[in-house]
Amino acid sequence: MRHSLRLAILGAAVSLATTAVAGAQVVISIEGDCPGRISVRWEHAAPDEWAGLLFAMNTGNYVLPHICQGTVLGLGSHQLQLVRAFRTGPQGQGEMAGPAPLRVCGGYLQVLVVDGICSTSNVVQISQ
């Protein structure tokens, strides 16, 4: 009986983990001119979680060493930096806008949501 209960609990835990991973990916889009002002929108994020907008000049498979250790980004390490930390909002969607100087044109953006599974978004390129 105990063995069956343990297997049932393990099965439920695996099912929940699979559901969380198989959920909708955070999706970001970008509008605006570079140089100039750009707007980044996100949706399908876990509601009311901390997230970070990340920037790099190249795509790649950078593996995070500390927060969200082991999470693989779609960004490379060239000028990799946190642009802004933010909350994902009550519906897991939102928008932020800001200046895009010439030096970031052609670079890439990705969102990392610190939601227990460290969800990542698609990667978008800032227009040139």
N, C-alpha and C. Protein backbone atom coordinates (compact mmCIF):
# COMPACT_ATOMS: atom_id res chain seq x y z
N MET A 1 0.82 -1.20 0.00
CA MET A 1 0.00 0.00 0.00
C MET A 1 0.87 1.26 0.00
N ARG A 2 1.89 1.29 0.88
CA ARG A 2 2.77 2.47 0.93
C ARG A 2 3.48 2.68 -0.39
N HIS A 3 3.93 1.59 -0.98
CA HIS A 3 4.64 1.67 -2.25
C HIS A 3 3.71 2.25 -3.32
N SER A 4 2.46 1.82 -3.37
CA SER A 4 1.49 2.33 -4.33
C SER A 4 1.23 3.82 -4.12
N LEU A 5 1.14 4.23 -2.85
CA LEU A 5 0.91 5.64 -2.54
C LEU A 5 2.09 6.48 -3.00
N ARG A 6 3.29 5.98 -2.75
CA ARG A 6 4.48 6.72 -3.19
C ARG A 6 4.51 6.84 -4.72
N LEU A 7 4.18 5.77 -5.41
CA LEU A 7 4.16 5.82 -6.88
C LEU A 7 3.09 6.79 -7.38
N ALA A 8 1.94 6.80 -6.71
CA ALA A 8 0.88 7.73 -7.11
C ALA A 8 1.32 9.17 -6.91
N ILE A 9 1.96 9.46 -5.79
CA ILE A 9 2.46 10.82 -5.52
C ILE A 9 3.53 11.20 -6.52
N LEU A 10 4.45 10.27 -6.80
CA LEU A 10 5.49 10.53 -7.78
C LEU A 10 4.89 10.79 -9.15
N GLY A 11 3.90 9.98 -9.53
CA GLY A 11 3.24 10.16 -10.82
C GLY A 11 2.56 11.51 -10.92
N ALA A 12 1.89 11.93 -9.84
CA ALA A 12 1.23 13.24 -9.83
C ALA A 12 2.25 14.36 -9.96
N ALA A 13 3.38 14.23 -9.25
CA ALA A 13 4.42 15.26 -9.32
C ALA A 13 5.00 15.36 -10.72
N VAL A 14 5.25 14.22 -11.36
CA VAL A 14 5.78 14.23 -12.72
C VAL A 14 4.76 14.85 -13.67
N SER A 15 3.49 14.53 -13.49
CA SER A 15 2.44 15.09 -14.32
C SER A 15 2.37 16.61 -14.19
N LEU A 16 2.45 17.12 -12.95
CA LEU A 16 2.42 18.57 -12.74
C LEU A 16 3.63 19.23 -13.36
N ALA A 17 4.80 18.64 -13.19
CA ALA A 17 6.02 19.20 -13.77
C ALA A 17 5.93 19.23 -15.29
N THR A 18 5.41 18.15 -15.88
CA THR A 18 5.27 18.09 -17.33
C THR A 18 4.28 19.14 -17.82
N THR A 19 3.19 19.32 -17.10
CA THR A 19 2.20 20.33 -17.47
C THR A 19 2.81 21.72 -17.42
N ALA A 20 3.60 22.02 -16.38
CA ALA A 20 4.22 23.35 -16.26
C ALA A 20 5.19 23.59 -17.41
N VAL A 21 5.99 22.59 -17.76
CA VAL A 21 6.96 22.76 -18.83
C VAL A 21 6.26 22.84 -20.18
N ALA A 22 5.19 22.07 -20.35
CA ALA A 22 4.50 22.02 -21.63
C ALA A 22 3.57 23.21 -21.83
N GLY A 23 3.43 24.08 -20.82
CA GLY A 23 2.55 25.24 -20.93
C GLY A 23 3.02 26.19 -22.01
N ALA A 24 2.21 27.18 -22.26
CA ALA A 24 2.53 28.14 -23.31
C ALA A 24 3.83 28.88 -22.99
N GLN A 25 4.67 29.04 -23.98
CA GLN A 25 5.92 29.77 -23.81
C GLN A 25 5.61 31.26 -23.73
N VAL A 26 6.40 31.94 -22.94
CA VAL A 26 6.30 33.40 -22.89
C VAL A 26 6.65 33.92 -24.28
N VAL A 27 5.82 34.80 -24.80
CA VAL A 27 6.03 35.33 -26.14
C VAL A 27 6.24 36.84 -26.04
N ILE A 28 7.30 37.32 -26.69
CA ILE A 28 7.54 38.76 -26.73
C ILE A 28 7.53 39.24 -28.17
N SER A 29 7.19 40.50 -28.32
CA SER A 29 7.25 41.15 -29.64
C SER A 29 7.79 42.55 -29.42
N ILE A 30 8.28 43.12 -30.48
CA ILE A 30 8.92 44.43 -30.39
C ILE A 30 8.42 45.31 -31.53
N GLU A 31 8.22 46.58 -31.23
CA GLU A 31 7.83 47.56 -32.24
C GLU A 31 8.66 48.82 -32.02
N GLY A 32 8.84 49.55 -33.08
CA GLY A 32 9.54 50.83 -32.98
C GLY A 32 10.75 50.88 -33.88
N ASP A 33 11.45 51.99 -33.78
CA ASP A 33 12.61 52.25 -34.62
C ASP A 33 13.87 52.28 -33.79
N CYS A 34 14.95 51.81 -34.40
CA CYS A 34 16.25 51.86 -33.73
C CYS A 34 17.23 52.50 -34.69
N PRO A 35 17.90 53.57 -34.30
CA PRO A 35 17.74 54.22 -32.99
C PRO A 35 16.39 54.93 -32.91
N GLY A 36 15.95 55.08 -31.69
CA GLY A 36 14.67 55.72 -31.44
C GLY A 36 14.02 55.15 -30.20
N ARG A 37 12.74 54.98 -30.27
CA ARG A 37 11.98 54.45 -29.13
C ARG A 37 11.38 53.11 -29.54
N ILE A 38 11.54 52.10 -28.69
CA ILE A 38 10.95 50.80 -28.96
C ILE A 38 10.02 50.39 -27.82
N SER A 39 9.11 49.51 -28.16
CA SER A 39 8.15 48.98 -27.21
C SER A 39 8.26 47.46 -27.23
N VAL A 40 8.34 46.85 -26.05
CA VAL A 40 8.40 45.40 -25.93
C VAL A 40 7.13 44.93 -25.24
N ARG A 41 6.43 43.99 -25.87
CA ARG A 41 5.22 43.41 -25.29
C ARG A 41 5.49 41.95 -24.94
N TRP A 42 4.85 41.48 -23.87
CA TRP A 42 4.95 40.07 -23.51
C TRP A 42 3.57 39.53 -23.17
N GLU A 43 3.41 38.21 -23.36
CA GLU A 43 2.18 37.53 -23.00
C GLU A 43 2.51 36.07 -22.68
N HIS A 44 1.57 35.39 -22.07
CA HIS A 44 1.68 33.98 -21.67
C HIS A 44 2.71 33.76 -20.56
N ALA A 45 3.03 34.79 -19.80
CA ALA A 45 3.93 34.63 -18.65
C ALA A 45 3.11 34.24 -17.42
N ALA A 46 3.76 33.64 -16.46
CA ALA A 46 3.09 33.36 -15.18
C ALA A 46 2.70 34.71 -14.57
N PRO A 47 1.49 34.85 -14.08
CA PRO A 47 1.03 36.13 -13.52
C PRO A 47 1.80 36.56 -12.28
N ASP A 48 1.99 37.86 -12.17
CA ASP A 48 2.59 38.50 -10.98
C ASP A 48 3.91 37.89 -10.53
N GLU A 49 4.78 37.60 -11.47
CA GLU A 49 6.11 37.09 -11.15
C GLU A 49 7.16 38.11 -11.55
N TRP A 50 8.34 38.00 -10.94
CA TRP A 50 9.45 38.84 -11.36
C TRP A 50 10.01 38.31 -12.66
N ALA A 51 10.42 39.22 -13.51
CA ALA A 51 11.01 38.85 -14.80
C ALA A 51 12.11 39.84 -15.12
N GLY A 52 12.93 39.47 -16.08
CA GLY A 52 13.99 40.35 -16.54
C GLY A 52 14.01 40.42 -18.05
N LEU A 53 14.20 41.61 -18.58
CA LEU A 53 14.40 41.80 -20.01
C LEU A 53 15.90 41.76 -20.23
N LEU A 54 16.36 40.78 -21.01
CA LEU A 54 17.78 40.57 -21.24
C LEU A 54 18.15 41.01 -22.65
N PHE A 55 19.37 41.49 -22.81
CA PHE A 55 19.88 41.96 -24.09
C PHE A 55 21.24 41.31 -24.34
N ALA A 56 21.50 40.98 -25.60
CA ALA A 56 22.82 40.54 -26.04
C ALA A 56 22.98 40.92 -27.50
N MET A 57 24.20 41.03 -27.94
CA MET A 57 24.45 41.36 -29.34
C MET A 57 24.45 40.13 -30.24
N ASN A 58 24.31 38.92 -29.64
CA ASN A 58 24.27 37.71 -30.45
C ASN A 58 23.31 36.69 -29.84
N THR A 59 22.88 35.76 -30.67
CA THR A 59 22.08 34.65 -30.16
C THR A 59 23.05 33.54 -29.76
N GLY A 60 22.53 32.55 -29.08
CA GLY A 60 23.39 31.45 -28.65
C GLY A 60 22.67 30.56 -27.66
N ASN A 61 23.45 29.96 -26.79
CA ASN A 61 22.93 29.05 -25.79
C ASN A 61 23.58 29.31 -24.44
N TYR A 62 23.53 30.56 -23.99
CA TYR A 62 24.16 30.92 -22.73
C TYR A 62 23.43 30.22 -21.57
N VAL A 63 24.20 29.57 -20.71
CA VAL A 63 23.64 28.87 -19.55
C VAL A 63 23.81 29.76 -18.33
N LEU A 64 22.69 30.06 -17.66
CA LEU A 64 22.74 30.95 -16.49
C LEU A 64 23.45 30.27 -15.31
N PRO A 65 24.38 31.01 -14.66
CA PRO A 65 25.15 30.42 -13.58
C PRO A 65 24.54 30.58 -12.18
N HIS A 66 23.72 31.57 -11.94
CA HIS A 66 23.27 31.84 -10.57
C HIS A 66 21.75 31.77 -10.48
N ILE A 67 21.07 32.90 -10.57
CA ILE A 67 19.61 32.87 -10.54
C ILE A 67 19.15 32.05 -11.74
N CYS A 68 18.25 31.12 -11.49
CA CYS A 68 17.78 30.19 -12.53
C CYS A 68 18.94 29.35 -13.07
N GLN A 69 19.83 28.95 -12.19
CA GLN A 69 21.02 28.19 -12.57
C GLN A 69 20.67 27.03 -13.49
N GLY A 70 21.40 26.94 -14.59
CA GLY A 70 21.22 25.87 -15.56
C GLY A 70 20.23 26.19 -16.66
N THR A 71 19.47 27.28 -16.53
CA THR A 71 18.54 27.66 -17.59
C THR A 71 19.33 28.11 -18.81
N VAL A 72 18.93 27.61 -19.97
CA VAL A 72 19.63 27.95 -21.21
C VAL A 72 18.85 29.05 -21.92
N LEU A 73 19.53 30.14 -22.18
CA LEU A 73 18.92 31.25 -22.92
C LEU A 73 19.09 31.04 -24.41
N GLY A 74 18.35 31.80 -25.18
CA GLY A 74 18.53 31.82 -26.63
C GLY A 74 19.51 32.91 -27.04
N LEU A 75 20.10 33.56 -26.04
CA LEU A 75 21.07 34.64 -26.26
C LEU A 75 22.48 34.12 -26.06
N GLY A 76 23.42 34.78 -26.71
CA GLY A 76 24.82 34.49 -26.49
C GLY A 76 25.38 35.39 -25.40
N SER A 77 26.67 35.33 -25.19
CA SER A 77 27.29 36.07 -24.09
C SER A 77 27.83 37.45 -24.48
N HIS A 78 27.83 37.77 -25.78
CA HIS A 78 28.40 39.05 -26.22
C HIS A 78 27.53 40.22 -25.74
N GLN A 79 28.04 40.98 -24.79
CA GLN A 79 27.36 42.13 -24.17
C GLN A 79 26.05 41.73 -23.49
N LEU A 80 25.96 40.48 -23.00
CA LEU A 80 24.77 40.01 -22.30
C LEU A 80 24.56 40.84 -21.04
N GLN A 81 23.34 41.37 -20.89
CA GLN A 81 23.04 42.20 -19.72
C GLN A 81 21.55 42.25 -19.43
N LEU A 82 21.25 42.55 -18.18
CA LEU A 82 19.87 42.77 -17.77
C LEU A 82 19.52 44.21 -18.08
N VAL A 83 18.50 44.41 -18.89
CA VAL A 83 18.05 45.75 -19.25
C VAL A 83 17.14 46.31 -18.17
N ARG A 84 16.19 45.47 -17.73
CA ARG A 84 15.22 45.93 -16.75
C ARG A 84 14.57 44.74 -16.06
N ALA A 85 14.36 44.86 -14.76
CA ALA A 85 13.56 43.89 -14.01
C ALA A 85 12.15 44.45 -13.91
N PHE A 86 11.16 43.57 -13.96
CA PHE A 86 9.76 44.02 -13.93
C PHE A 86 8.87 42.90 -13.43
N ARG A 87 7.64 43.23 -13.11
CA ARG A 87 6.62 42.25 -12.75
C ARG A 87 5.81 41.92 -14.01
N THR A 88 5.41 40.67 -14.14
CA THR A 88 4.71 40.23 -15.35
C THR A 88 3.27 40.70 -15.44
N GLY A 89 2.69 41.19 -14.33
CA GLY A 89 1.33 41.71 -14.34
C GLY A 89 0.32 40.64 -13.96
N PRO A 90 -0.87 41.06 -13.56
CA PRO A 90 -1.88 40.13 -13.07
C PRO A 90 -2.38 39.14 -14.11
N GLN A 91 -2.24 39.46 -15.38
CA GLN A 91 -2.67 38.56 -16.45
C GLN A 91 -1.48 37.89 -17.16
N GLY A 92 -0.25 38.15 -16.67
CA GLY A 92 0.93 37.58 -17.31
C GLY A 92 1.26 38.20 -18.65
N GLN A 93 0.82 39.45 -18.81
CA GLN A 93 1.11 40.16 -20.06
C GLN A 93 1.31 41.63 -19.75
N GLY A 94 1.96 42.32 -20.65
CA GLY A 94 2.18 43.74 -20.46
C GLY A 94 3.05 44.32 -21.55
N GLU A 95 3.47 45.54 -21.31
CA GLU A 95 4.26 46.28 -22.29
C GLU A 95 5.16 47.27 -21.57
N MET A 96 6.33 47.47 -22.11
CA MET A 96 7.23 48.52 -21.62
C MET A 96 7.87 49.18 -22.83
N ALA A 97 8.21 50.44 -22.67
CA ALA A 97 8.82 51.19 -23.77
C ALA A 97 10.01 51.96 -23.26
N GLY A 98 10.93 52.26 -24.15
CA GLY A 98 12.08 53.04 -23.77
C GLY A 98 12.95 53.36 -24.97
N PRO A 99 14.00 54.14 -24.72
CA PRO A 99 14.89 54.54 -25.81
C PRO A 99 15.76 53.37 -26.26
N ALA A 100 16.05 53.34 -27.55
CA ALA A 100 16.94 52.34 -28.13
C ALA A 100 18.06 53.09 -28.85
N PRO A 101 19.21 53.24 -28.19
CA PRO A 101 20.32 53.95 -28.83
C PRO A 101 20.93 53.13 -29.97
N LEU A 102 21.66 53.80 -30.84
CA LEU A 102 22.28 53.17 -32.01
C LEU A 102 23.07 51.92 -31.64
N ARG A 103 23.75 51.92 -30.51
CA ARG A 103 24.61 50.79 -30.14
C ARG A 103 23.87 49.48 -29.90
N VAL A 104 22.53 49.51 -29.71
CA VAL A 104 21.77 48.27 -29.50
C VAL A 104 21.07 47.79 -30.77
N CYS A 105 21.07 48.61 -31.80
CA CYS A 105 20.40 48.23 -33.05
C CYS A 105 21.05 46.96 -33.60
N GLY A 106 20.22 46.00 -33.97
CA GLY A 106 20.72 44.72 -34.45
C GLY A 106 20.92 43.69 -33.35
N GLY A 107 20.82 44.12 -32.10
CA GLY A 107 20.96 43.20 -30.97
C GLY A 107 19.69 42.41 -30.74
N TYR A 108 19.69 41.61 -29.69
CA TYR A 108 18.59 40.69 -29.42
C TYR A 108 18.06 40.85 -27.99
N LEU A 109 16.76 40.59 -27.83
CA LEU A 109 16.11 40.66 -26.53
C LEU A 109 15.44 39.32 -26.21
N GLN A 110 15.40 39.00 -24.92
CA GLN A 110 14.69 37.82 -24.44
C GLN A 110 14.21 38.12 -23.03
N VAL A 111 13.08 37.55 -22.64
CA VAL A 111 12.55 37.70 -21.29
C VAL A 111 12.77 36.40 -20.52
N LEU A 112 13.20 36.55 -19.27
CA LEU A 112 13.35 35.44 -18.35
C LEU A 112 12.40 35.68 -17.18
N VAL A 113 11.47 34.75 -16.95
CA VAL A 113 10.52 34.87 -15.85
C VAL A 113 10.97 33.95 -14.72
N VAL A 114 11.17 34.53 -13.55
CA VAL A 114 11.62 33.76 -12.39
C VAL A 114 10.37 33.25 -11.66
N ASP A 115 9.81 32.16 -12.19
CA ASP A 115 8.51 31.66 -11.74
C ASP A 115 8.58 30.26 -11.15
N GLY A 116 9.73 29.85 -10.68
CA GLY A 116 9.87 28.51 -10.14
C GLY A 116 10.45 27.55 -11.15
N ILE A 117 10.13 27.74 -12.43
CA ILE A 117 10.72 26.91 -13.48
C ILE A 117 11.61 27.74 -14.41
N CYS A 118 11.68 29.02 -14.15
CA CYS A 118 12.52 29.94 -14.93
C CYS A 118 12.19 29.87 -16.42
N SER A 119 11.03 30.36 -16.76
CA SER A 119 10.54 30.36 -18.14
C SER A 119 11.29 31.40 -18.98
N THR A 120 11.55 31.05 -20.21
CA THR A 120 12.17 31.98 -21.14
C THR A 120 11.22 32.24 -22.30
N SER A 121 11.39 33.39 -22.91
CA SER A 121 10.57 33.76 -24.07
C SER A 121 11.33 33.41 -25.34
N ASN A 122 10.66 33.67 -26.44
CA ASN A 122 11.33 33.66 -27.72
C ASN A 122 12.37 34.79 -27.73
N VAL A 123 13.23 34.77 -28.71
CA VAL A 123 14.25 35.81 -28.89
C VAL A 123 13.80 36.70 -30.05
N VAL A 124 13.88 38.01 -29.87
CA VAL A 124 13.55 38.94 -30.95
C VAL A 124 14.74 39.85 -31.23
N GLN A 125 14.87 40.23 -32.47
CA GLN A 125 15.96 41.12 -32.86
C GLN A 125 15.45 42.56 -32.95
N ILE A 126 16.26 43.47 -32.44
CA ILE A 126 15.97 44.89 -32.55
C ILE A 126 16.34 45.32 -33.97
N SER A 127 15.42 45.97 -34.65
CA SER A 127 15.66 46.37 -36.04
C SER A 127 16.89 47.27 -36.15
N GLN A 128 17.46 47.28 -37.33
CA GLN A 128 18.66 48.09 -37.56
C GLN A 128 18.31 49.33 -38.34
